[in-house]
Protein backbone atom coordinates (compact mmCIF):
# COMPACT_ATOMS: atom_id res chain seq x y z
CA MET A 1 130.47 139.02 44.74
CA VAL A 2 128.24 141.52 42.99
CA ALA A 3 127.14 144.37 45.24
CA PRO A 4 123.44 145.19 45.15
CA LEU A 5 122.42 148.30 43.34
CA PRO A 6 121.77 151.35 45.50
CA GLY A 7 118.20 151.43 46.73
CA LEU A 8 117.56 147.81 45.76
CA THR A 9 118.51 145.95 48.95
CA PRO A 10 117.09 142.44 48.92
CA PRO A 11 114.35 141.94 51.50
CA ALA A 12 115.15 139.84 54.51
CA ALA A 13 113.86 136.29 54.52
CA SER A 14 110.38 136.45 55.91
CA THR A 15 109.17 133.95 58.46
CA PRO A 16 105.52 133.29 59.15
CA PRO A 17 104.41 135.17 62.23
CA ARG A 18 103.94 133.04 65.31
CA PRO A 19 100.51 133.23 66.85
CA GLY A 20 100.26 135.00 70.17
CA THR A 21 99.54 133.32 73.48
CA VAL A 22 95.90 134.40 73.50
CA ALA A 23 95.38 133.03 70.01
CA LEU A 24 96.91 129.67 71.00
CA LEU A 25 94.70 129.46 74.07
CA ARG A 26 91.65 130.17 71.94
CA LEU A 27 92.83 127.46 69.57
CA PHE A 28 93.00 124.91 72.39
CA VAL A 29 89.54 125.86 73.61
CA GLY A 30 88.14 125.62 70.09
CA LEU A 31 89.84 122.26 69.61
CA LYS A 32 88.37 120.92 72.85
CA LEU A 33 84.88 122.10 71.90
CA ARG A 34 85.20 120.64 68.41
CA LEU A 35 86.36 117.26 69.71
CA LEU A 36 83.63 117.16 72.35
CA GLY A 37 81.08 117.90 69.65
CA ASN A 38 82.50 115.24 67.34
CA GLY A 39 82.32 112.74 70.19
CA LEU A 40 78.52 113.09 70.17
CA LYS A 41 78.22 112.49 66.45
CA GLY A 42 77.91 109.21 64.65
CA SER A 43 74.94 107.71 66.46
CA ASN A 44 71.71 108.79 68.06
CA ALA A 45 72.69 106.96 71.25
CA ARG A 46 75.68 109.24 71.78
CA LEU A 47 73.63 112.33 71.04
CA ILE A 48 70.94 111.29 73.51
CA ALA A 49 73.58 110.39 76.09
CA GLY A 50 75.21 113.78 75.60
CA LEU A 51 71.94 115.63 76.09
CA VAL A 52 71.16 113.56 79.18
CA GLY A 53 74.65 114.26 80.53
CA VAL A 54 74.32 118.00 79.97
CA ALA A 55 70.86 118.04 81.57
CA ALA A 56 72.07 116.01 84.56
CA GLY A 57 75.17 118.16 84.96
CA GLY A 58 73.12 121.33 84.73
CA GLY A 59 70.65 120.06 87.29
CA ILE A 60 73.39 119.09 89.74
CA THR A 61 75.10 122.45 89.26
CA ILE A 62 71.94 124.47 89.85
CA THR A 63 71.01 122.36 92.87
CA GLY A 64 74.48 122.65 94.38
CA ALA A 65 74.64 126.40 93.84
CA TYR A 66 71.17 126.83 95.38
CA LEU A 67 72.08 124.81 98.47
CA VAL A 68 75.31 126.75 98.93
CA ALA A 69 73.51 130.06 98.54
CA GLN A 70 70.91 129.00 101.11
CA LEU A 71 73.68 128.85 103.71
CA ARG A 72 73.32 132.65 103.75
CA GLN A 73 70.44 132.04 106.16
CA ALA A 74 72.58 129.93 108.52
CA SER A 75 74.94 131.23 111.18
CA ALA A 76 78.48 132.03 110.10
CA ASP A 77 79.96 129.19 112.16
CA ASP A 78 77.54 126.61 110.74
CA ALA A 79 78.09 127.83 107.18
CA ALA A 80 81.87 127.65 107.57
CA LEU A 81 81.66 124.15 109.07
CA ILE A 82 79.44 122.80 106.27
CA LEU A 83 81.37 124.47 103.45
CA THR A 84 84.79 123.41 104.73
CA ALA A 85 83.76 119.79 105.29
CA GLY A 86 81.76 119.40 102.08
CA GLY A 87 84.13 121.44 99.94
CA SER A 88 87.13 119.40 101.11
CA VAL A 89 85.39 116.21 100.00
CA VAL A 90 84.62 117.71 96.59
CA VAL A 91 88.19 118.91 96.03
CA ALA A 92 89.58 115.53 97.11
CA GLY A 93 87.25 113.90 94.60
CA TRP A 94 89.05 115.68 91.76
CA PHE A 95 92.13 113.57 92.52
CA LEU A 96 90.09 110.35 92.24
CA LEU A 97 87.74 111.19 89.37
CA PRO A 98 90.46 111.10 86.68
CA LEU A 99 91.27 107.56 87.78
CA LEU A 100 87.79 106.17 88.36
CA VAL A 101 85.40 108.12 86.14
CA PHE A 102 86.68 110.59 83.61
CA GLY A 103 89.97 108.86 82.85
CA ILE A 104 92.71 110.33 80.74
CA ASP A 105 91.26 113.08 78.59
CA GLU A 106 92.30 111.80 75.19
CA SER A 107 90.73 114.80 73.45
CA ILE A 108 93.73 116.90 74.60
CA ASP A 109 96.34 114.16 74.86
CA PRO A 110 99.82 115.74 75.06
CA GLN A 111 101.30 112.97 72.91
CA ARG A 112 99.26 114.25 69.99
CA PHE A 113 101.22 117.53 70.12
CA ALA A 114 104.67 115.94 70.46
CA LEU A 115 105.71 116.65 66.84
CA LEU A 116 104.38 120.21 66.74
CA PRO A 117 106.74 123.16 67.38
CA LEU A 118 105.01 124.19 70.59
CA PRO A 119 106.96 125.13 73.71
CA ARG A 120 106.10 122.91 76.64
CA ARG A 121 104.92 125.82 78.77
CA THR A 122 102.59 126.96 75.97
CA LEU A 123 101.22 123.44 75.71
CA LEU A 124 100.77 123.38 79.47
CA ALA A 125 98.83 126.66 79.41
CA GLY A 126 96.69 125.47 76.52
CA MET A 127 95.82 122.19 78.23
CA LEU A 128 94.99 124.05 81.44
CA THR A 129 92.68 126.42 79.59
CA ALA A 130 91.01 123.53 77.78
CA GLY A 131 90.58 121.84 81.16
CA PHE A 132 88.08 124.54 82.13
CA VAL A 133 85.91 123.54 79.17
CA GLY A 134 83.48 120.90 80.34
CA ILE A 135 80.65 120.27 82.76
CA PRO A 136 82.82 119.31 85.80
CA ALA A 137 84.94 122.48 85.75
CA VAL A 138 81.99 124.76 85.01
CA ALA A 139 79.95 123.13 87.77
CA MET A 140 82.82 123.51 90.22
CA LEU A 141 83.25 127.20 89.35
CA VAL A 142 79.52 127.94 89.62
CA VAL A 143 79.02 126.12 92.92
CA ALA A 144 82.19 127.60 94.42
CA GLY A 145 81.18 131.03 93.14
CA ALA A 146 77.86 130.68 94.95
CA THR A 147 79.79 131.06 98.21
CA THR A 148 79.92 134.77 97.44
CA ILE A 149 76.19 134.77 98.22
CA THR A 150 76.79 132.77 101.39
CA TRP A 151 79.33 135.32 102.60
CA SER A 152 77.54 138.43 101.37
CA ARG A 153 77.81 139.79 104.88
CA GLY A 154 80.58 142.26 104.11
CA PRO A 155 82.83 143.32 101.20
CA LEU A 156 85.98 141.54 102.42
CA PRO A 157 84.32 138.12 102.93
CA VAL A 158 82.81 138.37 99.44
CA LEU A 159 86.23 139.22 97.98
CA TYR A 160 87.84 136.28 99.78
CA ALA A 161 85.04 133.98 98.62
CA ALA A 162 85.44 135.07 94.97
CA VAL A 163 89.23 134.63 95.03
CA GLY A 164 88.88 131.32 96.85
CA ALA A 165 86.36 130.04 94.27
CA LEU A 166 88.72 130.84 91.41
CA LEU A 167 91.74 129.33 93.16
CA ALA A 168 89.82 126.20 94.21
CA THR A 169 88.56 125.59 90.66
CA THR A 170 92.05 126.13 89.24
CA PHE A 171 93.50 123.78 91.85
CA CYS A 172 90.96 121.09 90.91
CA VAL A 173 91.61 121.39 87.17
CA VAL A 174 95.39 121.36 87.62
CA ALA A 175 95.11 118.41 90.01
CA SER A 176 93.07 116.35 87.56
CA ARG A 177 95.41 117.13 84.66
CA ALA A 178 98.50 116.37 86.76
CA VAL A 179 97.05 113.04 87.87
CA THR A 180 96.14 111.99 84.34
CA THR A 181 99.53 113.00 82.94
CA VAL A 182 101.37 111.11 85.67
CA LEU A 183 99.17 108.05 85.10
CA ALA A 184 99.85 108.23 81.38
CA GLY A 185 103.50 107.52 82.18
CA VAL A 186 102.85 105.01 84.93
CA PHE A 187 100.50 102.86 82.87
CA ARG A 188 102.97 102.38 80.04
CA SER A 189 104.50 99.55 82.05
CA ARG A 190 102.28 96.51 82.41
CA ARG A 191 103.85 95.61 85.75
CA LEU A 192 103.20 99.07 87.15
CA ARG A 193 99.71 99.01 85.68
CA ASP A 194 98.90 95.73 87.40
CA LEU A 195 100.48 96.96 90.64
CA VAL A 196 98.40 100.14 90.66
CA SER A 197 95.30 98.10 89.88
CA MET A 198 96.00 95.82 92.82
CA ILE A 199 96.58 98.82 95.10
CA GLY A 200 93.29 100.27 93.92
CA MET A 201 91.51 97.05 94.80
CA LEU A 202 93.08 97.07 98.26
CA LEU A 203 91.93 100.66 98.80
CA ILE A 204 88.41 99.76 97.75
CA GLY A 205 88.53 96.79 100.10
CA SER A 206 89.67 99.01 102.95
CA VAL A 207 86.77 101.39 102.34
CA MET A 208 84.34 98.48 102.26
CA LEU A 209 85.73 97.08 105.49
CA LEU A 210 85.48 100.50 107.11
CA GLN A 211 81.95 101.08 105.90
CA PHE A 212 80.46 97.68 106.62
CA GLY A 213 82.75 96.41 109.34
CA LEU A 214 82.40 99.41 111.66
CA PRO A 215 78.72 100.45 111.71
CA SER A 216 79.33 102.65 114.73
CA VAL A 217 81.69 105.00 112.84
CA ALA A 218 78.77 107.26 111.91
CA GLN A 219 77.95 107.68 115.59
CA LEU A 220 81.42 109.11 116.17
CA ALA A 221 80.82 111.95 113.69
CA THR A 222 79.67 114.42 116.31
CA ARG A 223 79.91 118.17 115.83
CA ASP A 224 82.98 118.30 118.05
CA VAL A 225 84.76 115.70 115.91
CA ILE A 226 83.74 117.41 112.67
CA GLU A 227 84.98 120.76 113.96
CA ARG A 228 88.36 119.27 114.83
CA VAL A 229 88.64 117.69 111.38
CA THR A 230 87.62 120.85 109.54
CA THR A 231 90.07 122.88 111.62
CA VAL A 232 92.85 120.75 110.17
CA LEU A 233 91.38 120.72 106.65
CA ALA A 234 91.11 124.50 106.66
CA TRP A 235 94.92 124.69 106.69
CA THR A 236 95.24 122.36 103.68
CA PRO A 237 94.56 123.05 99.99
CA LEU A 238 91.38 120.97 100.35
CA GLY A 239 89.59 123.34 102.69
CA ALA A 240 91.51 126.63 102.63
CA ALA A 241 89.28 128.33 100.06
CA TRP A 242 86.11 127.50 102.01
CA ALA A 243 87.38 128.68 105.40
CA ALA A 244 89.06 131.96 104.34
CA PRO A 245 85.85 134.05 104.01
CA HIS A 246 84.82 133.09 107.54
CA ASP A 247 88.15 134.38 108.82
CA ALA A 248 87.57 137.68 107.05
CA LEU A 249 84.09 137.93 108.57
CA ARG A 250 85.27 137.42 112.14
CA GLY A 251 88.08 139.97 111.80
CA ALA A 252 91.00 137.61 111.11
CA ALA A 253 91.70 138.84 107.58
CA ALA A 254 95.40 137.96 107.83
CA THR A 255 94.56 134.35 108.68
CA GLY A 256 92.20 134.10 105.71
CA LEU A 257 94.81 135.63 103.42
CA LEU A 258 97.35 133.09 104.64
CA ARG A 259 94.94 130.25 103.78
CA LEU A 260 94.49 131.62 100.25
CA LEU A 261 98.27 131.88 99.87
CA ILE A 262 98.59 128.23 100.90
CA LEU A 263 96.08 127.28 98.21
CA ALA A 264 97.88 129.40 95.62
CA ALA A 265 101.20 127.79 96.53
CA ALA A 266 99.61 124.36 96.17
CA VAL A 267 98.43 125.30 92.66
CA VAL A 268 102.00 126.26 91.75
CA VAL A 269 103.44 123.02 93.18
CA LEU A 270 100.91 120.90 91.29
CA ALA A 271 101.62 122.85 88.11
CA LEU A 272 105.35 122.10 88.51
CA ILE A 273 104.57 118.39 89.02
CA TRP A 274 102.36 118.47 85.96
CA ASP A 275 105.06 120.23 83.95
CA ARG A 276 107.65 117.63 84.94
CA ALA A 277 105.31 114.76 84.08
CA LEU A 278 104.46 116.42 80.77
CA ARG A 279 108.15 116.80 79.96
CA TYR A 280 108.72 113.12 80.65
CA SER A 281 105.69 112.20 78.57
CA LEU A 282 106.92 114.20 75.57
CA GLU A 283 110.61 113.32 75.76
CA SER A 284 110.48 109.65 76.74
CA GLY A 285 109.57 108.60 73.23
CA GLY A 286 107.18 105.92 74.47
CA THR A 287 103.60 105.45 73.53
CA ALA A 288 101.27 107.09 75.95
CA ALA A 289 98.42 105.20 77.40
CA GLY A 290 95.51 105.43 75.14
CA SER A 291 97.56 106.23 72.01
CA GLY A 292 98.99 103.93 69.43
CA PRO A 293 97.27 100.99 67.80
CA ARG A 294 93.75 100.44 68.96
CA ALA A 295 93.73 96.71 68.50
CA GLY A 296 91.54 94.66 70.76
CA PRO A 297 92.75 91.78 72.89
CA ARG A 298 94.81 89.21 71.01
CA THR A 299 92.72 86.15 70.33
CA ALA A 300 94.07 82.67 69.98
CA PRO A 301 92.31 80.05 67.90
CA ALA A 302 88.97 79.25 69.46
CA GLY A 303 88.88 76.00 71.38
CA HIS A 304 88.44 74.51 74.78
CA THR A 305 92.20 74.57 75.39
CA LEU A 306 91.82 78.30 76.11
CA ALA A 307 89.70 77.61 79.17
CA PRO A 308 91.24 76.62 82.52
CA ARG A 309 91.40 72.88 83.13
CA TRP A 310 88.82 73.04 85.91
CA ALA A 311 86.26 74.58 83.55
CA ARG A 312 86.73 72.53 80.38
CA TRP A 313 84.31 69.80 81.40
CA MET A 314 81.61 72.43 81.98
CA LEU A 315 81.69 73.78 78.42
CA PRO A 316 79.87 72.02 75.57
CA ALA A 317 81.81 70.87 72.53
CA THR A 318 80.06 73.40 70.30
CA VAL A 319 80.77 76.79 68.78
CA THR A 320 79.04 78.38 71.77
CA GLY A 321 81.41 76.48 74.05
CA ALA A 322 84.39 77.74 72.04
CA VAL A 323 83.24 81.35 72.44
CA ALA A 324 82.72 80.73 76.16
CA ALA A 325 86.24 79.30 76.45
CA ARG A 326 87.74 82.42 74.86
CA ILE A 327 85.74 84.72 77.15
CA LEU A 328 86.71 82.69 80.21
CA HIS A 329 90.36 82.87 79.14
CA LEU A 330 90.24 86.66 78.72
CA TRP A 331 88.68 87.22 82.15
CA TRP A 332 92.09 86.59 83.68
CA ARG A 333 94.50 87.27 80.84
CA ASP A 334 93.14 90.71 79.92
CA PRO A 335 94.33 93.23 82.57
CA ARG A 336 91.22 95.38 82.05
CA GLN A 337 88.87 92.52 82.89
CA ARG A 338 91.14 91.22 85.63
CA VAL A 339 90.55 94.44 87.57
CA SER A 340 86.79 93.88 87.38
CA LEU A 341 87.27 90.26 88.40
CA LEU A 342 89.21 91.25 91.52
CA ILE A 343 86.40 93.53 92.64
CA VAL A 344 84.16 90.54 93.41
CA PRO A 345 86.22 88.95 96.24
CA VAL A 346 87.08 92.39 97.61
CA ILE A 347 83.42 93.31 97.95
CA LEU A 348 82.57 89.91 99.41
CA VAL A 349 85.25 90.38 102.07
CA GLY A 350 84.05 93.91 102.79
CA VAL A 351 80.36 93.02 102.99
CA VAL A 352 80.53 89.64 104.74
CA ALA A 353 83.84 89.23 106.55
CA GLY A 354 84.08 92.87 107.66
CA PRO A 355 80.93 92.91 109.82
CA SER A 356 81.72 89.49 111.28
CA LEU A 357 85.06 90.78 112.58
CA VAL A 358 83.22 93.11 114.94
CA GLY A 359 80.45 90.68 115.77
CA TYR A 360 77.86 92.22 113.45
CA ARG A 361 75.90 89.29 111.99
CA ASP A 362 72.53 90.65 111.01
CA GLU A 363 70.26 88.48 108.87
CA VAL A 364 70.24 91.14 106.16
CA LEU A 365 73.72 89.91 105.17
CA VAL A 366 71.92 87.13 103.32
CA LEU A 367 71.59 89.70 100.51
CA ALA A 368 75.36 89.59 99.91
CA GLY A 369 75.20 86.69 97.44
CA PRO A 370 72.36 88.11 95.29
CA GLY A 371 73.93 91.58 95.49
CA VAL A 372 77.23 90.33 94.11
CA GLY A 373 75.29 88.48 91.40
CA THR A 374 73.69 91.76 90.35
CA LEU A 375 77.10 93.46 90.39
CA ILE A 376 78.56 90.81 88.07
CA GLY A 377 75.74 91.46 85.61
CA LEU A 378 76.43 95.19 85.72
CA MET A 379 80.11 94.50 85.01
CA MET A 380 79.06 92.88 81.72
CA LEU A 381 76.98 95.80 80.40
CA ASN A 382 79.71 96.83 77.92
CA HIS A 383 81.62 93.57 77.67
CA THR A 384 81.54 93.33 73.86
CA ALA A 385 83.65 96.50 73.58
CA TYR A 386 86.60 94.73 75.20
CA ASP A 387 87.05 92.79 71.96
CA GLY A 388 87.78 96.02 70.11
CA THR A 389 88.81 95.37 66.52
CA ALA A 390 89.10 91.65 67.31
CA LEU A 391 85.31 91.45 66.96
CA TRP A 392 85.86 91.21 63.22
CA THR A 393 86.97 87.57 63.70
CA HIS A 394 83.40 86.71 64.70
CA LEU A 395 82.02 88.69 61.79
CA ALA A 396 84.43 87.18 59.26
CA VAL A 397 83.18 83.64 59.94
CA SER A 398 79.53 84.80 60.03
CA LEU A 399 79.11 83.73 63.62
CA PRO A 400 75.40 83.99 64.46
CA GLY A 401 74.62 86.76 66.89
CA TYR A 402 72.76 84.44 69.24
CA VAL A 403 75.81 82.17 69.50
CA ASP A 404 78.02 85.16 70.29
CA ARG A 405 75.65 86.37 73.02
CA ALA A 406 75.14 82.91 74.52
CA GLY A 407 78.87 82.12 74.48
CA ARG A 408 79.76 85.34 76.33
CA ALA A 409 77.09 84.67 78.95
CA LEU A 410 78.22 81.08 79.39
CA GLY A 411 81.87 82.07 79.74
CA THR A 412 81.03 84.46 82.57
CA ALA A 413 78.47 82.21 84.24
CA THR A 414 81.06 79.40 84.41
CA TRP A 415 82.93 81.22 87.18
CA ALA A 416 80.24 83.60 88.43
CA VAL A 417 77.63 81.02 89.40
CA PRO A 418 79.97 78.96 91.65
CA VAL A 419 81.22 82.17 93.28
CA VAL A 420 77.77 83.50 94.19
CA VAL A 421 76.53 80.05 95.26
CA GLY A 422 79.49 79.68 97.61
CA ALA A 423 79.02 83.24 98.88
CA ALA A 424 75.30 82.71 99.49
CA ALA A 425 75.76 79.42 101.34
CA GLY A 426 78.72 80.71 103.34
CA THR A 427 76.84 83.85 104.40
CA CYS A 428 73.85 81.84 105.62
CA LEU A 429 76.12 79.61 107.70
CA LEU A 430 77.98 82.67 109.04
CA ILE A 431 74.80 84.32 110.35
CA GLY A 432 73.51 81.04 111.75
CA ARG A 433 70.61 80.60 109.33
CA PRO A 434 71.26 77.41 107.31
CA ASP A 435 67.53 77.23 106.59
CA LEU A 436 67.97 80.23 104.25
CA ILE A 437 70.54 78.51 102.03
CA PRO A 438 68.00 77.41 99.36
CA ALA A 439 66.53 80.91 99.10
CA ALA A 440 69.93 82.63 99.02
CA VAL A 441 71.37 80.24 96.43
CA GLY A 442 68.31 80.47 94.19
CA ALA A 443 68.26 84.26 94.39
CA SER A 444 72.00 84.53 93.72
CA VAL A 445 71.87 82.38 90.58
CA ALA A 446 68.80 84.28 89.40
CA THR A 447 70.44 87.69 89.78
CA VAL A 448 73.55 86.58 87.90
CA LEU A 449 71.50 85.27 84.98
CA THR A 450 69.26 88.35 85.00
CA GLY A 451 72.27 90.64 84.77
CA LEU A 452 73.78 88.57 81.96
CA ALA A 453 70.45 88.68 80.11
CA LEU A 454 70.39 92.47 80.18
CA ALA A 455 74.09 92.68 79.30
CA ALA A 456 73.45 90.56 76.21
CA VAL A 457 71.36 93.47 74.93
CA THR A 458 73.10 96.57 76.30
CA SER A 459 76.61 95.50 75.25
CA VAL A 460 75.56 95.79 71.60
CA VAL A 461 72.72 98.33 71.67
CA ILE A 462 74.37 100.88 74.01
CA ALA A 463 78.06 100.21 73.42
CA PHE A 464 81.03 102.57 73.66
CA PRO A 465 84.79 102.11 73.19
CA ALA A 466 86.59 100.37 76.03
CA PRO A 467 90.10 101.46 77.04
CA PRO A 468 92.80 99.78 74.95
CA ALA A 469 94.41 96.66 76.40
CA SER A 470 97.69 98.52 76.90
CA ALA A 471 96.13 101.48 78.69
CA ASN A 472 94.94 102.37 82.16
CA PRO A 473 92.05 99.93 82.78
CA PHE A 474 90.05 102.70 84.49
CA ILE A 475 90.02 105.19 81.61
CA THR A 476 87.17 105.98 79.25
CA PRO A 477 88.05 107.10 75.72
CA SER A 478 86.98 110.58 74.65
CA GLY A 479 83.28 110.94 73.98
CA GLY A 480 82.29 107.92 76.02
CA ASN A 481 81.77 109.42 79.46
CA VAL A 482 78.15 110.45 78.98
CA VAL A 483 77.43 107.11 77.33
CA VAL A 484 78.89 105.35 80.37
CA VAL A 485 76.60 107.31 82.69
CA LEU A 486 73.56 106.62 80.52
CA GLN A 487 74.37 102.92 80.17
CA GLN A 488 75.02 102.43 83.87
CA PHE A 489 71.86 104.32 84.82
CA ILE A 490 69.60 102.46 82.39
CA GLY A 491 71.32 99.15 83.09
CA GLY A 492 71.14 99.51 86.86
CA LEU A 493 67.47 100.53 86.73
CA ALA A 494 66.54 97.67 84.39
CA VAL A 495 68.47 95.06 86.40
CA GLY A 496 66.80 96.28 89.58
CA LEU A 497 63.32 96.05 88.08
CA LEU A 498 63.92 92.62 86.54
CA SER A 499 65.43 91.32 89.80
CA LEU A 500 62.69 92.79 91.99
CA PRO A 501 60.58 89.56 92.06
CA VAL A 502 63.65 87.63 93.15
CA TYR A 503 64.49 90.00 96.00
CA LEU A 504 60.85 90.13 97.15
CA THR A 505 60.67 86.36 97.29
CA LEU A 506 63.95 86.25 99.19
CA GLY A 507 62.48 88.77 101.63
CA PHE A 508 59.45 86.53 102.19
CA ALA A 509 61.76 83.63 102.98
CA LEU A 510 63.88 85.78 105.28
CA TRP A 511 61.16 87.49 107.31
CA TRP A 512 58.17 85.16 106.88
CA ARG A 513 58.59 81.50 105.95
CA PRO A 514 62.00 79.99 105.09
CA GLU A 515 60.17 77.18 103.23
CA VAL A 516 59.53 79.66 100.42
CA GLY A 517 63.23 79.34 99.66
CA TRP A 518 62.82 75.89 98.16
CA GLY A 519 60.51 77.32 95.56
CA LEU A 520 62.98 80.13 94.88
CA LEU A 521 65.76 77.56 94.49
CA LEU A 522 63.86 76.08 91.55
CA ALA A 523 62.02 79.10 90.16
CA GLY A 524 64.89 81.59 90.48
CA PRO A 525 67.33 79.92 88.05
CA ALA A 526 64.45 79.08 85.70
CA TYR A 527 63.40 82.74 85.68
CA GLY A 528 66.98 83.83 85.02
CA LEU A 529 67.45 81.31 82.20
CA LEU A 530 64.23 82.48 80.56
CA LEU A 531 65.39 86.10 80.66
CA LEU A 532 68.84 85.08 79.42
CA ARG A 533 67.35 83.28 76.44
CA VAL A 534 65.21 86.30 75.56
CA GLY A 535 68.19 88.66 76.01
CA CYS A 536 70.42 86.55 73.77
CA ARG A 537 67.71 86.50 71.11
CA ILE A 538 67.24 90.27 71.16
CA GLY A 539 70.95 91.06 71.39
CA GLY A 540 71.83 88.44 68.78
CA ARG A 541 69.29 89.78 66.31
CA TYR A 542 70.62 93.32 66.80
CA LEU A 543 74.19 92.07 66.32
CA ASP A 544 73.26 90.28 63.08
CA ASP A 545 71.63 93.43 61.69
CA ASN A 546 74.12 96.05 62.92
CA ALA A 547 77.48 94.27 63.25
CA PRO A 548 79.54 96.68 61.07
CA GLU A 549 78.09 99.73 62.82
CA LEU A 550 78.76 98.13 66.24
CA LEU A 551 82.37 97.45 65.25
CA ARG A 552 82.76 101.10 64.30
CA ARG A 553 81.24 102.29 67.61
CA ILE A 554 83.45 100.17 69.87
CA THR A 555 86.62 101.06 67.96
CA PRO A 556 87.97 104.48 69.01
CA ALA A 557 88.63 106.74 66.05
CA ARG A 558 92.27 107.41 65.18
CA THR A 559 93.07 111.08 65.28
């Protein structure tokens, strides 16, 4: 071995310097901002939806902060009662919003970092920092920070309010990220996914039964009851941040400090749960929900054999009938659509059976059938996106857009019309008004067809990617949240306006002359069919002219 010459020692092998923690956190924030910005590109609809979402979020934030600040004029006891009760509801909502609204945030999906040399704790810190980037977290921080104005009655209450606002916002962000990471593992299994979906439907049914079946519950919400509830909530992470400043104001600083420590401990516990779920997500080697191939639902050859036996005789032996058979088949076979399908009987039980259990049989329950008909139409507002990349099969055979629109409407109407007709007739018999059956049936069929008519247009004009078939059926892919809000708002408003003549006529039959119902029985379905024909024409023409662009919009981009 040749010794190196004196003074010429070879330099040590250099390794690229690792970025510091602050630089990595800035990188995550920049990545989140870049992905959010990219989610608004590609179409004017997404840009408009993004602007509307920002404006709506800003308006809600300013309004909430103003209302909280106005509690400065109220007594300390009243302010503490309102803040603890309302704040607890808001914090609890952060556990539900990832499941029902925002879904798994695919913009910072941990699976996308699995192959990078990042320590798990660094990834955890980066995802937490990125979680503060967005309207919900900013709104929460601003509204919670406004409590410093509410408690500007001494330096210590203001200090407790500021610390509580920061801890409450951190708790909410960590809670939402922990829930989404846990769900990402749960929803890998189809059996678990279906089980959670069924549990969700049961919970919704329980809420409906509680709301409609016990009308006197609101009368029990006296100040004494609310004070007892908030006393308990103040010792939980839900209400600790809102009650601590009041303790400092009334001279119980130690009690307020203990509440803040409880909240801080809850943040740590949730972070540990999140860390464990993240470790499982990265080391299990499975495909996380929302990652992997973005293929749409598998489609079998079109034909009436796809439809259930009871429905085959109702479908025409045409191409439209074949499309309807495929749609009818997917309503039960596709787990995403099955969840929506299960909502219908749950709501019917909550609205109709719930009140009857306690002897509440008001005539207004006749609106149950038409209301469910409107809901079914709203469920179809983005139905085309559930095809995903499978939509190309319609495009490859040059299927006319009108046939596609009419087939989807027919496939849904095949089961929806009998359901609402049975619900309308059963409700009238339940409340002892069989003379209202013609009006209720006519209105129910009309609302279903009206909703399908609007969905024939919105599901191609204002479309966004649906969650993949293998993912959590409640999630919304990145960039689609504001589009969802815009579509639901516009769709709900349009369906309400188009259905207004139907509901007014039903009201005349209910509170004036039941004989009007016979006219509604004939005119209602005719009105709905006319709108459906117009909707299929408009939506079909748009589909013929913009099919490739629509396929690109409903297919989430691979990143």
